[in-house]
C-alpha atoms as a PDB file:
ATOM      1  CA  MET A   1      18.480 -74.089  19.624  1.00  0.00           C
ATOM      2  CA  LEU A   2      15.692 -72.329  21.512  1.00  0.00           C
ATOM      3  CA  ARG A   3      15.864 -68.541  21.709  1.00  0.00           C
ATOM      4  CA  PRO A   4      14.091 -66.020  23.921  1.00  0.00           C
ATOM      5  CA  ARG A   5      10.771 -64.879  22.478  1.00  0.00           C
ATOM      6  CA  VAL A   6       9.942 -61.177  22.286  1.00  0.00           C
ATOM      7  CA  ILE A   7       6.164 -60.842  22.516  1.00  0.00           C
ATOM      8  CA  PRO A   8       3.964 -57.753  22.124  1.00  0.00           C
ATOM      9  CA  CYS A   9       0.900 -57.945  24.380  1.00  0.00           C
ATOM     10  CA  LEU A  10      -2.193 -56.121  23.141  1.00  0.00           C
ATOM     11  CA  LEU A  11      -4.993 -55.260  25.570  1.00  0.00           C
ATOM     12  CA  LEU A  12      -8.566 -55.054  24.306  1.00  0.00           C
ATOM     13  CA  GLN A  13     -11.364 -52.959  25.753  1.00  0.00           C
ATOM     14  CA  ASP A  14     -14.660 -52.410  23.931  1.00  0.00           C
ATOM     15  CA  GLY A  15     -13.045 -53.786  20.777  1.00  0.00           C
ATOM     16  CA  GLY A  16     -10.236 -51.209  20.818  1.00  0.00           C
ATOM     17  CA  LEU A  17      -6.586 -51.407  21.716  1.00  0.00           C
ATOM     18  CA  VAL A  18      -5.733 -49.832  25.092  1.00  0.00           C
ATOM     19  CA  LYS A  19      -2.789 -49.582  27.461  1.00  0.00           C
ATOM     20  CA  THR A  20      -3.054 -49.463  31.238  1.00  0.00           C
ATOM     21  CA  VAL A  21      -0.835 -48.442  34.145  1.00  0.00           C
ATOM     22  CA  ARG A  22      -0.989 -50.863  37.069  1.00  0.00           C
ATOM     23  CA  PHE A  23      -4.197 -52.250  35.536  1.00  0.00           C
ATOM     24  CA  LYS A  24      -5.895 -48.829  35.695  1.00  0.00           C
ATOM     25  CA  ASP A  25      -6.369 -45.698  33.570  1.00  0.00           C
ATOM     26  CA  ALA A  26      -6.796 -47.451  30.231  1.00  0.00           C
ATOM     27  CA  LYS A  27      -5.665 -45.243  27.347  1.00  0.00           C
ATOM     28  CA  TYR A  28      -6.976 -45.872  23.839  1.00  0.00           C
ATOM     29  CA  VAL A  29      -4.093 -46.421  21.446  1.00  0.00           C
ATOM     30  CA  GLY A  30      -5.706 -47.637  18.245  1.00  0.00           C
ATOM     31  CA  ASP A  31      -7.341 -50.406  16.269  1.00  0.00           C
ATOM     32  CA  PRO A  32      -6.058 -53.906  17.125  1.00  0.00           C
ATOM     33  CA  VAL A  33      -6.324 -55.256  13.579  1.00  0.00           C
ATOM     34  CA  ASN A  34      -4.201 -52.386  12.261  1.00  0.00           C
ATOM     35  CA  ALA A  35      -1.665 -53.105  15.008  1.00  0.00           C
ATOM     36  CA  ILE A  36      -1.556 -56.761  13.987  1.00  0.00           C
ATOM     37  CA  LYS A  37      -0.923 -55.758  10.366  1.00  0.00           C
ATOM     38  CA  ILE A  38       2.042 -53.636  11.438  1.00  0.00           C
ATOM     39  CA  PHE A  39       3.425 -56.398  13.642  1.00  0.00           C
ATOM     40  CA  ASN A  40       3.131 -58.780  10.666  1.00  0.00           C
ATOM     41  CA  GLU A  41       5.473 -56.538   8.702  1.00  0.00           C
ATOM     42  CA  LYS A  42       7.909 -56.418  11.614  1.00  0.00           C
ATOM     43  CA  LEU A  43       8.135 -60.232  11.802  1.00  0.00           C
ATOM     44  CA  VAL A  44       7.414 -60.523  15.521  1.00  0.00           C
ATOM     45  CA  ASP A  45       8.109 -63.818  17.281  1.00  0.00           C
ATOM     46  CA  GLU A  46       4.661 -64.174  18.795  1.00  0.00           C
ATOM     47  CA  LEU A  47       1.640 -62.033  19.708  1.00  0.00           C
ATOM     48  CA  MET A  48      -0.624 -62.029  22.753  1.00  0.00           C
ATOM     49  CA  VAL A  49      -4.096 -60.459  22.738  1.00  0.00           C
ATOM     50  CA  VAL A  50      -6.123 -60.151  25.955  1.00  0.00           C
ATOM     51  CA  ASP A  51      -9.679 -58.877  26.422  1.00  0.00           C
ATOM     52  CA  ILE A  52      -9.198 -57.301  29.849  1.00  0.00           C
ATOM     53  CA  ASP A  53     -12.888 -56.820  30.681  1.00  0.00           C
ATOM     54  CA  ALA A  54     -14.407 -60.121  29.515  1.00  0.00           C
ATOM     55  CA  THR A  55     -14.095 -61.911  32.862  1.00  0.00           C
ATOM     56  CA  VAL A  56     -15.085 -58.841  34.907  1.00  0.00           C
ATOM     57  CA  GLU A  57     -18.218 -58.386  32.795  1.00  0.00           C
ATOM     58  CA  GLY A  58     -19.026 -62.101  32.700  1.00  0.00           C
ATOM     59  CA  ARG A  59     -18.668 -62.257  28.908  1.00  0.00           C
ATOM     60  CA  GLY A  60     -17.386 -65.114  26.843  1.00  0.00           C
ATOM     61  CA  PRO A  61     -14.791 -64.611  24.109  1.00  0.00           C
ATOM     62  CA  ASP A  62     -15.872 -62.698  20.995  1.00  0.00           C
ATOM     63  CA  LEU A  63     -15.290 -65.398  18.387  1.00  0.00           C
ATOM     64  CA  LYS A  64     -15.940 -63.082  15.454  1.00  0.00           C
ATOM     65  CA  LEU A  65     -13.280 -60.653  16.645  1.00  0.00           C
ATOM     66  CA  ILE A  66     -10.862 -63.483  17.393  1.00  0.00           C
ATOM     67  CA  ARG A  67     -11.451 -64.854  13.892  1.00  0.00           C
ATOM     68  CA  ASP A  68     -10.544 -61.458  12.449  1.00  0.00           C
ATOM     69  CA  PHE A  69      -7.313 -61.478  14.445  1.00  0.00           C
ATOM     70  CA  ALA A  70      -6.421 -65.040  13.477  1.00  0.00           C
ATOM     71  CA  VAL A  71      -7.059 -64.429   9.783  1.00  0.00           C
ATOM     72  CA  GLU A  72      -4.826 -61.363   9.792  1.00  0.00           C
ATOM     73  CA  CYS A  73      -2.099 -62.657  12.093  1.00  0.00           C
ATOM     74  CA  ARG A  74       0.984 -64.248  10.463  1.00  0.00           C
ATOM     75  CA  MET A  75       2.749 -65.127  13.712  1.00  0.00           C
ATOM     76  CA  PRO A  76       1.781 -67.481  16.573  1.00  0.00           C
ATOM     77  CA  LEU A  77      -1.161 -65.940  18.415  1.00  0.00           C
ATOM     78  CA  THR A  78      -2.272 -66.284  22.041  1.00  0.00           C
ATOM     79  CA  TYR A  79      -5.758 -65.136  23.057  1.00  0.00           C
ATOM     80  CA  GLY A  80      -7.036 -64.595  26.595  1.00  0.00           C
ATOM     81  CA  GLY A  81     -10.215 -63.230  28.139  1.00  0.00           C
ATOM     82  CA  GLY A  82     -13.523 -64.745  29.242  1.00  0.00           C
ATOM     83  CA  VAL A  83     -12.633 -68.374  28.488  1.00  0.00           C
ATOM     84  CA  THR A  84     -14.423 -70.759  30.860  1.00  0.00           C
ATOM     85  CA  SER A  85     -15.009 -74.041  29.001  1.00  0.00           C
ATOM     86  CA  VAL A  86     -13.340 -76.760  26.963  1.00  0.00           C
ATOM     87  CA  GLU A  87     -15.698 -75.982  24.094  1.00  0.00           C
ATOM     88  CA  GLN A  88     -14.582 -72.348  23.963  1.00  0.00           C
ATOM     89  CA  VAL A  89     -10.939 -73.406  23.876  1.00  0.00           C
ATOM     90  CA  GLN A  90     -11.689 -75.803  21.020  1.00  0.00           C
ATOM     91  CA  ASP A  91     -13.551 -73.072  19.131  1.00  0.00           C
ATOM     92  CA  ILE A  92     -10.697 -70.594  19.548  1.00  0.00           C
ATOM     93  CA  VAL A  93      -8.006 -73.066  18.517  1.00  0.00           C
ATOM     94  CA  GLY A  94     -10.232 -74.068  15.603  1.00  0.00           C
ATOM     95  CA  LEU A  95     -10.060 -70.460  14.363  1.00  0.00           C
ATOM     96  CA  GLY A  96      -6.284 -70.744  14.025  1.00  0.00           C
ATOM     97  CA  VAL A  97      -5.173 -69.408  17.415  1.00  0.00           C
ATOM     98  CA  GLU A  98      -2.142 -71.312  18.712  1.00  0.00           C
ATOM     99  CA  LYS A  99      -2.642 -70.764  22.459  1.00  0.00           C
ATOM    100  CA  VAL A 100      -5.495 -69.893  24.800  1.00  0.00           C
ATOM    101  CA  ALA A 101      -4.663 -68.066  28.043  1.00  0.00           C
ATOM    102  CA  LEU A 102      -6.725 -68.462  31.211  1.00  0.00           C
ATOM    103  CA  SER A 103      -6.446 -66.715  34.569  1.00  0.00           C
ATOM    104  CA  HIS A 104      -9.521 -66.809  36.839  1.00  0.00           C
ATOM    105  CA  THR A 105     -10.765 -70.089  35.349  1.00  0.00           C
ATOM    106  CA  ALA A 106      -7.345 -71.697  35.703  1.00  0.00           C
ATOM    107  CA  ILE A 107      -7.109 -70.714  39.366  1.00  0.00           C
ATOM    108  CA  GLU A 108     -10.686 -71.635  40.292  1.00  0.00           C
ATOM    109  CA  ASN A 109     -10.779 -74.948  38.452  1.00  0.00           C
ATOM    110  CA  PRO A 110      -7.338 -76.423  37.660  1.00  0.00           C
ATOM    111  CA  GLY A 111      -8.986 -79.717  36.742  1.00  0.00           C
ATOM    112  CA  LEU A 112     -10.587 -77.997  33.777  1.00  0.00           C
ATOM    113  CA  LEU A 113      -7.098 -77.260  32.457  1.00  0.00           C
ATOM    114  CA  THR A 114      -6.470 -81.001  32.309  1.00  0.00           C
ATOM    115  CA  GLU A 115      -9.588 -81.447  30.181  1.00  0.00           C
ATOM    116  CA  MET A 116      -8.558 -78.564  27.927  1.00  0.00           C
ATOM    117  CA  ALA A 117      -5.063 -79.984  27.485  1.00  0.00           C
ATOM    118  CA  SER A 118      -6.575 -83.360  26.592  1.00  0.00           C
ATOM    119  CA  ALA A 119      -8.869 -81.714  24.026  1.00  0.00           C
ATOM    120  CA  VAL A 120      -6.399 -79.405  22.222  1.00  0.00           C
ATOM    121  CA  GLY A 121      -2.943 -80.368  23.520  1.00  0.00           C
ATOM    122  CA  SER A 122      -1.103 -78.938  26.508  1.00  0.00           C
ATOM    123  CA  GLN A 123       0.954 -76.682  24.210  1.00  0.00           C
ATOM    124  CA  SER A 124      -2.216 -74.661  23.561  1.00  0.00           C
ATOM    125  CA  VAL A 125      -3.186 -74.163  27.212  1.00  0.00           C
ATOM    126  CA  VAL A 126      -1.575 -71.191  28.989  1.00  0.00           C
ATOM    127  CA  ALA A 127      -2.151 -70.116  32.583  1.00  0.00           C
ATOM    128  CA  VAL A 128      -1.768 -66.443  33.523  1.00  0.00           C
ATOM    129  CA  LEU A 129      -1.018 -65.304  37.057  1.00  0.00           C
ATOM    130  CA  ASP A 130      -1.376 -61.572  37.762  1.00  0.00           C
ATOM    131  CA  VAL A 131       0.709 -60.826  40.857  1.00  0.00           C
ATOM    132  CA  LYS A 132       2.025 -58.021  43.025  1.00  0.00           C
ATOM    133  CA  PRO A 133       3.987 -57.792  46.279  1.00  0.00           C
ATOM    134  CA  GLY A 134       2.010 -58.486  49.437  1.00  0.00           C
ATOM    135  CA  GLY A 135       2.452 -58.854  53.160  1.00  0.00           C
ATOM    136  CA  LEU A 136       3.732 -56.412  55.736  1.00  0.00           C
ATOM    137  CA  MET A 137       7.242 -57.880  55.736  1.00  0.00           C
ATOM    138  CA  GLY A 138       7.600 -58.005  51.955  1.00  0.00           C
ATOM    139  CA  GLY A 139       9.128 -60.828  49.983  1.00  0.00           C
ATOM    140  CA  ARG A 140       5.744 -62.365  49.205  1.00  0.00           C
ATOM    141  CA  TYR A 141       3.708 -62.024  46.024  1.00  0.00           C
ATOM    142  CA  ASP A 142      -0.077 -62.247  45.998  1.00  0.00           C
ATOM    143  CA  ILE A 143      -2.179 -63.458  43.079  1.00  0.00           C
ATOM    144  CA  TYR A 144      -5.106 -61.397  41.782  1.00  0.00           C
ATOM    145  CA  THR A 145      -7.897 -61.866  39.241  1.00  0.00           C
ATOM    146  CA  HIS A 146     -10.578 -59.627  37.696  1.00  0.00           C
ATOM    147  CA  ASN A 147      -8.182 -56.876  36.597  1.00  0.00           C
ATOM    148  CA  GLY A 148      -6.316 -56.933  39.877  1.00  0.00           C
ATOM    149  CA  THR A 149      -9.388 -56.391  42.070  1.00  0.00           C
ATOM    150  CA  ARG A 150      -9.750 -59.826  43.710  1.00  0.00           C
ATOM    151  CA  ARG A 151      -6.952 -61.357  45.743  1.00  0.00           C
ATOM    152  CA  VAL A 152      -6.595 -65.123  45.567  1.00  0.00           C
ATOM    153  CA  LYS A 153      -6.085 -66.938  48.873  1.00  0.00           C
ATOM    154  CA  ALA A 154      -3.268 -69.153  47.665  1.00  0.00           C
ATOM    155  CA  ASP A 155       0.506 -69.156  47.776  1.00  0.00           C
ATOM    156  CA  LEU A 156       2.061 -68.189  44.448  1.00  0.00           C
ATOM    157  CA  PHE A 157       4.444 -71.110  44.261  1.00  0.00           C
ATOM    158  CA  ASP A 158       1.857 -73.641  45.409  1.00  0.00           C
ATOM    159  CA  MET A 159      -0.415 -72.335  42.648  1.00  0.00           C
ATOM    160  CA  ILE A 160       2.370 -72.649  40.074  1.00  0.00           C
ATOM    161  CA  ALA A 161       2.840 -76.291  41.107  1.00  0.00           C
ATOM    162  CA  THR A 162      -0.913 -76.938  40.878  1.00  0.00           C
ATOM    163  CA  LEU A 163      -1.167 -75.436  37.403  1.00  0.00           C
ATOM    164  CA  GLN A 164       1.801 -77.412  36.139  1.00  0.00           C
ATOM    165  CA  ASP A 165       0.375 -80.638  37.582  1.00  0.00           C
ATOM    166  CA  ALA A 166      -2.898 -79.853  35.796  1.00  0.00           C
ATOM    167  CA  GLY A 167      -1.107 -79.992  32.450  1.00  0.00           C
ATOM    168  CA  ILE A 168      -0.562 -76.433  31.260  1.00  0.00           C
ATOM    169  CA  GLY A 169       1.929 -75.961  28.456  1.00  0.00           C
ATOM    170  CA  GLU A 170       3.072 -72.493  29.475  1.00  0.00           C
ATOM    171  CA  LEU A 171       2.858 -70.019  32.343  1.00  0.00           C
ATOM    172  CA  VAL A 172       2.597 -66.232  32.077  1.00  0.00           C
ATOM    173  CA  ILE A 173       3.583 -64.138  35.099  1.00  0.00           C
ATOM    174  CA  ASN A 174       2.190 -60.608  34.884  1.00  0.00           C
ATOM    175  CA  ALA A 175       3.561 -58.086  37.407  1.00  0.00           C
ATOM    176  CA  ILE A 176       0.640 -55.783  38.247  1.00  0.00           C
ATOM    177  CA  HIS A 177       2.859 -53.340  40.136  1.00  0.00           C
ATOM    178  CA  ASN A 178       5.037 -52.870  37.044  1.00  0.00           C
ATOM    179  CA  ASP A 179       2.277 -52.723  34.427  1.00  0.00           C
ATOM    180  CA  GLY A 180       2.765 -49.660  32.212  1.00  0.00           C
ATOM    181  CA  GLU A 181       5.532 -48.246  34.414  1.00  0.00           C
ATOM    182  CA  MET A 182       8.257 -48.895  31.790  1.00  0.00           C
ATOM    183  CA  LYS A 183      10.935 -49.141  34.527  1.00  0.00           C
ATOM    184  CA  GLY A 184      12.044 -52.705  33.901  1.00  0.00           C
ATOM    185  CA  TYR A 185      10.858 -56.204  34.779  1.00  0.00           C
ATOM    186  CA  ASP A 186      10.658 -57.367  38.390  1.00  0.00           C
ATOM    187  CA  LEU A 187      13.788 -59.526  38.208  1.00  0.00           C
ATOM    188  CA  LYS A 188      13.467 -60.604  41.838  1.00  0.00           C
ATOM    189  CA  LEU A 189      10.043 -62.054  41.057  1.00  0.00           C
ATOM    190  CA  ALA A 190      11.247 -63.605  37.803  1.00  0.00           C
ATOM    191  CA  THR A 191      14.227 -65.386  39.325  1.00  0.00           C
ATOM    192  CA  LYS A 192      12.081 -66.728  42.183  1.00  0.00           C
ATOM    193  CA  VAL A 193       9.539 -68.095  39.711  1.00  0.00           C
ATOM    194  CA  MET A 194      12.256 -69.774  37.639  1.00  0.00           C
ATOM    195  CA  GLU A 195      13.133 -71.962  40.626  1.00  0.00           C
ATOM    196  CA  HIS A 196       9.683 -73.567  40.507  1.00  0.00           C
ATOM    197  CA  LEU A 197       9.169 -74.185  36.787  1.00  0.00           C
ATOM    198  CA  ARG A 198       9.164 -77.176  34.508  1.00  0.00           C
ATOM    199  CA  VAL A 199       7.173 -75.555  31.658  1.00  0.00           C
ATOM    200  CA  PRO A 200       8.046 -72.553  29.459  1.00  0.00           C
ATOM    201  CA  VAL A 201       7.357 -69.165  31.014  1.00  0.00           C
ATOM    202  CA  THR A 202       6.673 -65.654  29.771  1.00  0.00           C
ATOM    203  CA  PHE A 203       7.148 -62.573  31.954  1.00  0.00           C
ATOM    204  CA  LEU A 204       5.063 -59.440  31.430  1.00  0.00           C
ATOM    205  CA  GLY A 205       5.040 -56.038  33.091  1.00  0.00           C
ATOM    206  CA  GLY A 206       7.560 -53.227  33.202  1.00  0.00           C
ATOM    207  CA  ALA A 207       9.639 -53.309  30.029  1.00  0.00           C
ATOM    208  CA  GLY A 208      10.425 -49.774  28.877  1.00  0.00           C
ATOM    209  CA  ARG A 209      13.659 -50.287  26.918  1.00  0.00           C
ATOM    210  CA  LEU A 210      15.156 -53.107  24.921  1.00  0.00           C
ATOM    211  CA  GLU A 211      17.842 -53.290  27.601  1.00  0.00           C
ATOM    212  CA  ASP A 212      15.124 -54.420  30.027  1.00  0.00           C
ATOM    213  CA  ILE A 213      14.574 -57.452  27.829  1.00  0.00           C
ATOM    214  CA  SER A 214      18.305 -58.155  27.812  1.00  0.00           C
ATOM    215  CA  ALA A 215      18.367 -57.941  31.619  1.00  0.00           C
ATOM    216  CA  LEU A 216      15.488 -60.421  31.902  1.00  0.00           C
ATOM    217  CA  VAL A 217      17.182 -62.906  29.577  1.00  0.00           C
ATOM    218  CA  GLU A 218      20.487 -62.507  31.389  1.00  0.00           C
ATOM    219  CA  ALA A 219      18.766 -63.231  34.711  1.00  0.00           C
ATOM    220  CA  CYS A 220      16.462 -66.042  33.581  1.00  0.00           C
ATOM    221  CA  GLY A 221      17.767 -67.519  30.330  1.00  0.00           C
ATOM    222  CA  THR A 222      15.439 -68.662  27.563  1.00  0.00           C
ATOM    223  CA  VAL A 223      12.054 -67.173  28.459  1.00  0.00           C
ATOM    224  CA  GLY A 224       9.249 -65.260  26.811  1.00  0.00           C
ATOM    225  CA  CYS A 225       9.736 -61.495  27.157  1.00  0.00           C
ATOM    226  CA  ALA A 226       6.334 -59.836  26.781  1.00  0.00           C
ATOM    227  CA  ALA A 227       5.590 -56.124  26.832  1.00  0.00           C
ATOM    228  CA  GLY A 228       2.817 -53.695  26.022  1.00  0.00           C
ATOM    229  CA  SER A 229       3.929 -50.085  26.400  1.00  0.00           C
ATOM    230  CA  LEU A 230       7.358 -50.762  24.900  1.00  0.00           C
ATOM    231  CA  PHE A 231       5.787 -51.777  21.602  1.00  0.00           C
ATOM    232  CA  VAL A 232       2.953 -49.228  21.348  1.00  0.00           C
ATOM    233  CA  PHE A 233       4.578 -46.055  22.710  1.00  0.00           C
ATOM    234  CA  LYS A 234       7.634 -44.065  21.702  1.00  0.00           C
ATOM    235  CA  GLY A 235       9.516 -41.444  23.705  1.00  0.00           C
ATOM    236  CA  ARG A 236       9.037 -39.824  27.112  1.00  0.00           C
ATOM    237  CA  TYR A 237       5.621 -38.417  26.162  1.00  0.00           C
ATOM    238  CA  ARG A 238       4.372 -41.850  25.103  1.00  0.00           C
ATOM    239  CA  ALA A 239       3.377 -40.973  21.577  1.00  0.00           C
ATOM    240  CA  VAL A 240       1.531 -43.901  20.028  1.00  0.00           C
ATOM    241  CA  LEU A 241       3.821 -45.713  17.615  1.00  0.00           C
ATOM    242  CA  ILE A 242       3.729 -49.461  16.929  1.00  0.00           C
ATOM    243  CA  ASN A 243       7.325 -50.670  16.995  1.00  0.00           C
ATOM    244  CA  TYR A 244       9.417 -53.835  17.401  1.00  0.00           C
ATOM    245  CA  PRO A 245      13.160 -54.622  17.258  1.00  0.00           C
ATOM    246  CA  ASP A 246      14.481 -55.870  13.926  1.00  0.00           C
ATOM    247  CA  PRO A 247      16.316 -59.243  13.758  1.00  0.00           C
ATOM    248  CA  GLY A 248      19.720 -57.585  13.879  1.00  0.00           C
ATOM    249  CA  THR A 249      18.829 -55.698  17.030  1.00  0.00           C
ATOM    250  CA  LYS A 250      17.597 -58.886  18.694  1.00  0.00           C
ATOM    251  CA  GLU A 251      20.846 -60.601  17.754  1.00  0.00           C
ATOM    252  CA  VAL A 252      22.723 -57.888  19.621  1.00  0.00           C
ATOM    253  CA  LEU A 253      20.329 -58.142  22.581  1.00  0.00           C
ATOM    254  CA  PHE A 254      20.739 -61.881  22.993  1.00  0.00           C
ATOM    255  CA  GLY A 255      24.263 -62.349  21.670  1.00  0.00           C
ATOM    256  CA  ALA A 256      23.091 -64.784  18.977  1.00  0.00           C
ATOM    257  CA  PRO A 257      20.449 -64.957  16.222  1.00  0.00           C
ATOM    258  CA  ALA A 258      17.058 -64.586  17.890  1.00  0.00           C
ATOM    259  CA  THR A 259      14.620 -66.854  16.096  1.00  0.00           C
ATOM    260  CA  PRO A 260      11.352 -68.179  17.529  1.00  0.00           C
ATOM    261  CA  GLY A 261      11.834 -71.308  19.623  1.00  0.00           C
END
């Protein structure tokens, strides 16, 4: 039986691990390889690593750094940042990375996703949509790329349909307005997105307590529950401390044994 996945999301900047608030004010929180080693010991379900400046700076993925992550990582690993070609996806998967996440490239060229899925399998191709509320009347969510600086002229749900038709194996919805706020997921957004899906989905942005993960699962069922601040900070003053719920705690959260699906 499939279970919700609890996924730490690590943000990279200049080779270091950082955490942002609403995609701004990046705070250095440590060495990513050391973080991966700690998460190995904590038996996490899955790990996501994103180079947040690669696309903005026009850089491709750092294959040496990704190799270091893949060699160290004992759980399924997703990498995102600067990926623009089928060849890069093949190289990254060839290093032992299970999934490759794309945002700007996925939106600008959905047909390329089809080629990537054909080359490495749809299960390894993940599309990421960074969104926040838009419109004077509310109720609408706009898509952004380049660290939330460029708005995409497309309807969110039309884009979700396009990406699914292109052959992605998973969708990640990242709530810009909740990033680093630690006040809970945008459940209104999540439940709206669930109405339009036929592939697995992971929600990111806003988790500050384990109860926020429970609320997401209660609202949406079996989904990926990703978080950054929750797993790198501890306490009201946000002291840096890599942490993750143990299996017993996840069993309580989900009401049944929480094993990777």
